C-alpha atoms as a PDB file:
ATOM      1  CA  MET A   1       0.226   0.772  20.116  1.00  0.00           C
ATOM      2  CA  LYS A   2      -0.042  -2.430  18.090  1.00  0.00           C
ATOM      3  CA  VAL A   3       0.951  -2.243  14.419  1.00  0.00           C
ATOM      4  CA  THR A   4      -0.068  -4.636  11.656  1.00  0.00           C
ATOM      5  CA  ALA A   5       1.674  -4.403   8.292  1.00  0.00           C
ATOM      6  CA  LEU A   6      -0.760  -4.977   5.424  1.00  0.00           C
ATOM      7  CA  ILE A   7       0.740  -5.974   2.074  1.00  0.00           C
ATOM      8  CA  PRO A   8      -1.593  -6.330  -0.918  1.00  0.00           C
ATOM      9  CA  ALA A   9       0.292  -8.459  -3.426  1.00  0.00           C
ATOM     10  CA  TYR A  10      -0.218  -9.649  -6.974  1.00  0.00           C
ATOM     11  CA  ASN A  11       2.587 -11.711  -8.589  1.00  0.00           C
ATOM     12  CA  GLU A  12       5.323 -10.284  -6.357  1.00  0.00           C
ATOM     13  CA  GLU A  13       7.425 -13.436  -5.835  1.00  0.00           C
ATOM     14  CA  LYS A  14      10.650 -11.593  -6.687  1.00  0.00           C
ATOM     15  CA  THR A  15      10.300  -8.946  -3.970  1.00  0.00           C
ATOM     16  CA  ILE A  16       7.856 -10.127  -1.292  1.00  0.00           C
ATOM     17  CA  LYS A  17      10.334 -12.199   0.753  1.00  0.00           C
ATOM     18  CA  THR A  18      12.754  -9.319   1.290  1.00  0.00           C
ATOM     19  CA  ILE A  19       9.937  -7.024   2.417  1.00  0.00           C
ATOM     20  CA  ILE A  20       8.556  -9.613   4.831  1.00  0.00           C
ATOM     21  CA  GLN A  21      11.961 -10.315   6.371  1.00  0.00           C
ATOM     22  CA  LEU A  22      12.585  -6.639   7.046  1.00  0.00           C
ATOM     23  CA  LEU A  23       9.159  -6.138   8.610  1.00  0.00           C
ATOM     24  CA  LYS A  24       9.467  -9.228  10.806  1.00  0.00           C
ATOM     25  CA  ASN A  25      12.705  -7.809  12.230  1.00  0.00           C
ATOM     26  CA  HIS A  26      11.363  -4.299  12.782  1.00  0.00           C
ATOM     27  CA  ASN A  27      10.702  -3.587  16.471  1.00  0.00           C
ATOM     28  CA  GLU A  28       7.726  -1.318  15.725  1.00  0.00           C
ATOM     29  CA  VAL A  29       5.800  -3.894  13.674  1.00  0.00           C
ATOM     30  CA  ASP A  30       3.860  -6.509  15.642  1.00  0.00           C
ATOM     31  CA  GLU A  31       2.326  -8.643  12.902  1.00  0.00           C
ATOM     32  CA  LEU A  32       2.046  -9.000   9.127  1.00  0.00           C
ATOM     33  CA  LEU A  33      -0.854  -9.789   6.839  1.00  0.00           C
ATOM     34  CA  VAL A  34      -0.358 -10.480   3.138  1.00  0.00           C
ATOM     35  CA  VAL A  35      -3.486 -10.376   0.993  1.00  0.00           C
ATOM     36  CA  ASP A  36      -2.645 -12.316  -2.144  1.00  0.00           C
ATOM     37  CA  ASP A  37      -4.803 -10.910  -4.928  1.00  0.00           C
ATOM     38  CA  GLY A  38      -5.117 -14.060  -7.033  1.00  0.00           C
ATOM     39  CA  SER A  39      -1.429 -14.357  -7.926  1.00  0.00           C
ATOM     40  CA  SER A  40      -0.423 -16.929 -10.525  1.00  0.00           C
ATOM     41  CA  ASP A  41       3.153 -17.165  -9.230  1.00  0.00           C
ATOM     42  CA  GLY A  42       4.649 -18.187  -5.875  1.00  0.00           C
ATOM     43  CA  THR A  43       3.756 -15.043  -3.940  1.00  0.00           C
ATOM     44  CA  ALA A  44       1.378 -16.687  -1.456  1.00  0.00           C
ATOM     45  CA  LEU A  45       3.609 -19.729  -0.891  1.00  0.00           C
ATOM     46  CA  ILE A  46       6.678 -17.565  -0.244  1.00  0.00           C
ATOM     47  CA  ALA A  47       4.745 -15.477   2.275  1.00  0.00           C
ATOM     48  CA  LYS A  48       3.427 -18.559   4.075  1.00  0.00           C
ATOM     49  CA  LYS A  49       6.900 -20.103   4.234  1.00  0.00           C
ATOM     50  CA  ALA A  50       8.159 -16.836   5.736  1.00  0.00           C
ATOM     51  CA  GLY A  51       5.750 -17.413   8.615  1.00  0.00           C
ATOM     52  CA  VAL A  52       3.227 -14.632   8.057  1.00  0.00           C
ATOM     53  CA  ARG A  53      -0.534 -14.808   7.777  1.00  0.00           C
ATOM     54  CA  VAL A  54      -1.871 -14.903   4.230  1.00  0.00           C
ATOM     55  CA  ILE A  55      -5.364 -14.390   2.853  1.00  0.00           C
ATOM     56  CA  SER A  56      -5.614 -15.544  -0.766  1.00  0.00           C
ATOM     57  CA  PHE A  57      -8.201 -14.607  -3.391  1.00  0.00           C
ATOM     58  CA  GLU A  58      -9.012 -17.251  -5.969  1.00  0.00           C
ATOM     59  CA  LYS A  59      -9.197 -14.594  -8.683  1.00  0.00           C
ATOM     60  CA  ASN A  60      -7.571 -11.199  -9.095  1.00  0.00           C
ATOM     61  CA  GLN A  61      -9.950  -8.570  -7.683  1.00  0.00           C
ATOM     62  CA  GLY A  62      -7.748  -5.482  -7.649  1.00  0.00           C
ATOM     63  CA  LYS A  63      -5.780  -3.583  -5.047  1.00  0.00           C
ATOM     64  CA  GLY A  64      -8.855  -1.906  -3.597  1.00  0.00           C
ATOM     65  CA  ALA A  65     -10.451  -5.244  -2.777  1.00  0.00           C
ATOM     66  CA  ALA A  66      -7.211  -6.541  -1.274  1.00  0.00           C
ATOM     67  CA  LEU A  67      -6.838  -3.503   0.970  1.00  0.00           C
ATOM     68  CA  GLN A  68     -10.505  -3.638   1.987  1.00  0.00           C
ATOM     69  CA  CYS A  69     -10.090  -7.282   2.969  1.00  0.00           C
ATOM     70  CA  GLY A  70      -7.102  -6.422   5.131  1.00  0.00           C
ATOM     71  CA  ILE A  71      -8.769  -3.424   6.759  1.00  0.00           C
ATOM     72  CA  ASP A  72     -11.828  -5.516   7.604  1.00  0.00           C
ATOM     73  CA  ASP A  73      -9.643  -8.239   9.122  1.00  0.00           C
ATOM     74  CA  ILE A  74      -7.169  -6.168  11.160  1.00  0.00           C
ATOM     75  CA  ASN A  75      -7.898  -5.000  14.699  1.00  0.00           C
ATOM     76  CA  SER A  76      -4.532  -3.431  15.587  1.00  0.00           C
ATOM     77  CA  ASP A  77      -4.195   0.233  16.535  1.00  0.00           C
ATOM     78  CA  ILE A  78      -2.273   1.135  13.360  1.00  0.00           C
ATOM     79  CA  ILE A  79      -2.250  -0.328   9.868  1.00  0.00           C
ATOM     80  CA  LEU A  80       0.989   0.018   7.919  1.00  0.00           C
ATOM     81  CA  MET A  81       0.245  -0.346   4.196  1.00  0.00           C
ATOM     82  CA  LEU A  82       3.136  -1.272   1.928  1.00  0.00           C
ATOM     83  CA  ASP A  83       3.222  -2.397  -1.698  1.00  0.00           C
ATOM     84  CA  GLY A  84       4.589  -5.860  -2.392  1.00  0.00           C
ATOM     85  CA  ASP A  85       6.984  -4.726  -5.136  1.00  0.00           C
ATOM     86  CA  LEU A  86       9.183  -2.299  -3.180  1.00  0.00           C
ATOM     87  CA  ILE A  87      12.902  -2.095  -3.887  1.00  0.00           C
ATOM     88  CA  GLY A  88      15.253  -0.751  -1.232  1.00  0.00           C
ATOM     89  CA  LEU A  89      12.914  -0.852   1.774  1.00  0.00           C
ATOM     90  CA  LYS A  90      14.817  -0.111   5.002  1.00  0.00           C
ATOM     91  CA  GLU A  91      13.900   0.055   8.680  1.00  0.00           C
ATOM     92  CA  LYS A  92      14.158   3.854   8.533  1.00  0.00           C
ATOM     93  CA  HIS A  93      11.370   3.996   5.923  1.00  0.00           C
ATOM     94  CA  VAL A  94       9.018   2.038   8.174  1.00  0.00           C
ATOM     95  CA  SER A  95       9.838   4.255  11.153  1.00  0.00           C
ATOM     96  CA  THR A  96       9.339   7.394   9.064  1.00  0.00           C
ATOM     97  CA  LEU A  97       5.800   6.255   8.292  1.00  0.00           C
ATOM     98  CA  LEU A  98       4.944   5.137  11.816  1.00  0.00           C
ATOM     99  CA  ASP A  99       6.603   7.623  14.157  1.00  0.00           C
ATOM    100  CA  PRO A 100       4.408  10.686  13.367  1.00  0.00           C
ATOM    101  CA  ILE A 101       1.366   8.601  14.286  1.00  0.00           C
ATOM    102  CA  PHE A 102       2.978   7.360  17.492  1.00  0.00           C
ATOM    103  CA  ARG A 103       3.556  11.030  18.366  1.00  0.00           C
ATOM    104  CA  ASP A 104      -0.072  11.854  17.404  1.00  0.00           C
ATOM    105  CA  GLU A 105       1.049  14.415  14.834  1.00  0.00           C
ATOM    106  CA  CYS A 106      -1.440  13.025  12.312  1.00  0.00           C
ATOM    107  CA  ASP A 107      -3.920  10.233  11.660  1.00  0.00           C
ATOM    108  CA  MET A 108      -2.274   9.025   8.459  1.00  0.00           C
ATOM    109  CA  THR A 109       1.142   9.374   6.849  1.00  0.00           C
ATOM    110  CA  VAL A 110       1.733   9.071   3.109  1.00  0.00           C
ATOM    111  CA  GLY A 111       5.256   8.195   2.001  1.00  0.00           C
ATOM    112  CA  VAL A 112       6.711   9.854  -1.093  1.00  0.00           C
ATOM    113  CA  PHE A 113       9.698   8.377  -2.933  1.00  0.00           C
ATOM    114  CA  ASN A 114      12.760  10.612  -3.055  1.00  0.00           C
ATOM    115  CA  ALA A 115      16.110   9.864  -4.714  1.00  0.00           C
ATOM    116  CA  GLY A 116      15.067   6.291  -5.395  1.00  0.00           C
ATOM    117  CA  ARG A 117      14.740   6.157  -9.173  1.00  0.00           C
ATOM    118  CA  GLY A 118      14.043   8.952 -11.620  1.00  0.00           C
ATOM    119  CA  LEU A 119      10.761   7.770 -13.143  1.00  0.00           C
ATOM    120  CA  THR A 120       9.115   6.706  -9.898  1.00  0.00           C
ATOM    121  CA  ASP A 121      10.357   9.833  -8.097  1.00  0.00           C
ATOM    122  CA  LEU A 122       8.921  12.012 -10.852  1.00  0.00           C
ATOM    123  CA  ALA A 123       5.543  10.283 -10.778  1.00  0.00           C
ATOM    124  CA  GLN A 124       5.200  10.796  -7.046  1.00  0.00           C
ATOM    125  CA  PHE A 125       6.498  14.359  -7.212  1.00  0.00           C
ATOM    126  CA  PHE A 126       3.546  15.277  -9.429  1.00  0.00           C
ATOM    127  CA  ALA A 127       1.065  12.924  -7.738  1.00  0.00           C
ATOM    128  CA  PRO A 128       2.080  12.122  -4.148  1.00  0.00           C
ATOM    129  CA  ASN A 129      -1.509  11.071  -3.417  1.00  0.00           C
ATOM    130  CA  LEU A 130      -0.896   7.904  -5.424  1.00  0.00           C
ATOM    131  CA  SER A 131       1.682   6.459  -3.044  1.00  0.00           C
ATOM    132  CA  GLY A 132       0.801   3.031  -1.667  1.00  0.00           C
ATOM    133  CA  GLN A 133       3.149   3.479   1.288  1.00  0.00           C
ATOM    134  CA  ARG A 134       1.238   4.776   4.274  1.00  0.00           C
ATOM    135  CA  ALA A 135       0.371   4.229   7.923  1.00  0.00           C
ATOM    136  CA  VAL A 136      -3.050   5.022   9.349  1.00  0.00           C
ATOM    137  CA  LYS A 137      -4.868   4.747  12.662  1.00  0.00           C
ATOM    138  CA  THR A 138      -7.207   1.801  12.359  1.00  0.00           C
ATOM    139  CA  ASN A 139     -10.135   3.583  13.988  1.00  0.00           C
ATOM    140  CA  ILE A 140      -9.881   6.293  11.330  1.00  0.00           C
ATOM    141  CA  ILE A 141     -10.097   3.976   8.337  1.00  0.00           C
ATOM    142  CA  LYS A 142     -12.026   0.991   9.712  1.00  0.00           C
ATOM    143  CA  ASN A 143     -15.399   2.130   8.403  1.00  0.00           C
ATOM    144  CA  ILE A 144     -14.278   3.421   5.006  1.00  0.00           C
ATOM    145  CA  GLY A 145     -16.212   0.656   3.225  1.00  0.00           C
ATOM    146  CA  SER A 146     -15.670   1.992  -0.298  1.00  0.00           C
ATOM    147  CA  LEU A 147     -12.492   0.465  -1.686  1.00  0.00           C
ATOM    148  CA  LYS A 148     -13.544  -2.694  -3.507  1.00  0.00           C
ATOM    149  CA  ASN A 149     -14.523  -0.976  -6.749  1.00  0.00           C
ATOM    150  CA  SER A 150     -11.938   1.817  -6.684  1.00  0.00           C
ATOM    151  CA  GLY A 151      -9.419  -0.022  -8.880  1.00  0.00           C
ATOM    152  CA  TYR A 152      -6.118   1.788  -9.283  1.00  0.00           C
ATOM    153  CA  GLY A 153      -7.663   4.879  -7.711  1.00  0.00           C
ATOM    154  CA  VAL A 154      -7.730   3.324  -4.252  1.00  0.00           C
ATOM    155  CA  GLU A 155      -5.130   5.690  -2.790  1.00  0.00           C
ATOM    156  CA  ILE A 156      -7.107   8.730  -3.938  1.00  0.00           C
ATOM    157  CA  VAL A 157     -10.222   7.338  -2.246  1.00  0.00           C
ATOM    158  CA  ILE A 158      -8.317   6.739   1.000  1.00  0.00           C
ATOM    159  CA  ASN A 159      -6.859  10.246   0.947  1.00  0.00           C
ATOM    160  CA  LYS A 160     -10.275  11.839   0.389  1.00  0.00           C
ATOM    161  CA  TYR A 161     -11.684   9.888   3.292  1.00  0.00           C
ATOM    162  CA  VAL A 162      -8.933  10.688   5.784  1.00  0.00           C
ATOM    163  CA  LYS A 163      -8.819  14.377   4.810  1.00  0.00           C
ATOM    164  CA  LYS A 164     -12.542  14.559   5.547  1.00  0.00           C
ATOM    165  CA  ILE A 165     -12.341  13.155   9.078  1.00  0.00           C
ATOM    166  CA  GLY A 166      -8.693  13.323  10.144  1.00  0.00           C
ATOM    167  CA  ARG A 167      -5.171  14.672   9.686  1.00  0.00           C
ATOM    168  CA  LEU A 168      -2.806  13.671   6.881  1.00  0.00           C
ATOM    169  CA  LYS A 169       0.957  14.161   6.684  1.00  0.00           C
ATOM    170  CA  TYR A 170       3.341  13.538   3.759  1.00  0.00           C
ATOM    171  CA  VAL A 171       6.768  12.126   4.599  1.00  0.00           C
ATOM    172  CA  GLU A 172       9.771  11.492   2.347  1.00  0.00           C
ATOM    173  CA  LEU A 173      11.107   7.975   1.797  1.00  0.00           C
ATOM    174  CA  PRO A 174      14.619   8.451   0.371  1.00  0.00           C
ATOM    175  CA  ASP A 175      16.298   5.758  -1.759  1.00  0.00           C
ATOM    176  CA  LEU A 176      13.082   3.738  -2.074  1.00  0.00           C
ATOM    177  CA  THR A 177      11.388   2.738  -5.316  1.00  0.00           C
ATOM    178  CA  HIS A 178       9.281  -0.065  -6.782  1.00  0.00           C
ATOM    179  CA  VAL A 179       9.056  -2.304  -9.833  1.00  0.00           C
ATOM    180  CA  MET A 180       7.264  -0.471 -12.631  1.00  0.00           C
ATOM    181  CA  LYS A 181       4.323  -2.075 -14.423  1.00  0.00           C
ATOM    182  CA  GLU A 182       6.240  -2.245 -17.702  1.00  0.00           C
ATOM    183  CA  GLU A 183       9.054  -4.149 -15.967  1.00  0.00           C
ATOM    184  CA  LYS A 184       6.745  -6.493 -14.123  1.00  0.00           C
ATOM    185  CA  ARG A 185       4.294  -7.422 -16.874  1.00  0.00           C
ATOM    186  CA  GLY A 186       6.147  -6.675 -20.086  1.00  0.00           C
ATOM    187  CA  PHE A 187       6.087  -3.416 -22.009  1.00  0.00           C
ATOM    188  CA  ALA A 188       2.812  -3.882 -23.919  1.00  0.00           C
ATOM    189  CA  LYS A 189       0.728  -5.175 -21.021  1.00  0.00           C
ATOM    190  CA  GLY A 190       2.399  -2.692 -18.690  1.00  0.00           C
ATOM    191  CA  VAL A 191       1.371   0.216 -20.903  1.00  0.00           C
ATOM    192  CA  VAL A 192      -2.219  -1.065 -20.987  1.00  0.00           C
ATOM    193  CA  ASP A 193      -2.251  -1.443 -17.199  1.00  0.00           C
ATOM    194  CA  ARG A 194      -0.803   2.040 -16.775  1.00  0.00           C
ATOM    195  CA  ALA A 195      -3.499   3.508 -19.018  1.00  0.00           C
ATOM    196  CA  ARG A 196      -6.151   1.683 -16.990  1.00  0.00           C
ATOM    197  CA  MET A 197      -4.563   3.042 -13.811  1.00  0.00           C
ATOM    198  CA  TYR A 198      -4.766   6.643 -15.024  1.00  0.00           C
ATOM    199  CA  TRP A 199      -8.386   6.131 -16.081  1.00  0.00           C
ATOM    200  CA  ASP A 200      -9.322   4.784 -12.645  1.00  0.00           C
ATOM    201  CA  ILE A 201      -7.504   7.688 -11.007  1.00  0.00           C
ATOM    202  CA  LEU A 202      -9.357  10.227 -13.131  1.00  0.00           C
ATOM    203  CA  LYS A 203     -12.686   8.592 -12.323  1.00  0.00           C
ATOM    204  CA  VAL A 204     -12.230   8.713  -8.550  1.00  0.00           C
ATOM    205  CA  SER A 205     -10.578  12.143  -8.650  1.00  0.00           C
ATOM    206  CA  PHE A 206     -13.544  13.798 -10.357  1.00  0.00           C
ATOM    207  CA  THR A 207     -16.305  11.783  -8.747  1.00  0.00           C
ATOM    208  CA  LYS A 208     -18.018  13.323  -5.753  1.00  0.00           C
ATOM    209  CA  SER A 209     -17.070  11.367  -2.668  1.00  0.00           C
ATOM    210  CA  LYS A 210     -19.729   9.183  -1.055  1.00  0.00           C
ATOM    211  CA  ILE A 211     -17.570   8.258   1.919  1.00  0.00           C
ATOM    212  CA  GLY A 212     -17.954   9.218   5.519  1.00  0.00           C
END
């Protein structure tokens, strides 16, 4: 089964290279696609220099739009979705996400941080649905067609969709974490972005699904 890793990225120049290098060396990953969501830093250039395919937006459109672009473009059997700001990504994490699908135990895996860092572990303990680390059969998600306006609630939308038509499995990703919004964008802007994230999540969580 052919696997394409899809990385939606916005101003991830500090972490994107390490993630790409690991994925390029992983024997279960066949190709990589980075969707650069209008970054103002060197994210797209770093990805291109690393030898992977990059689709760049002129303006920031949000994670939902970036994922939708990748889903529309990819024709592999499995899409491996990973955030561009991961810290501590190892080959075992990638295999943990992919192997249950190879064994046809589920149609999508969702990776939950465990023993990575206290604050990110806690957030995913209470809301594992929000994890951006997942692998999904392409034929399951190809026609989802509802991500562009989902904002920070994109993972909730994906989960609702897959639960409606397929099988979902949560898997633990030990010693993995990511850069928090407050660290990435400064405390004030990070707090604003986090508040916007929770608002988007509430909207999609309590809105009747129109997917499927």
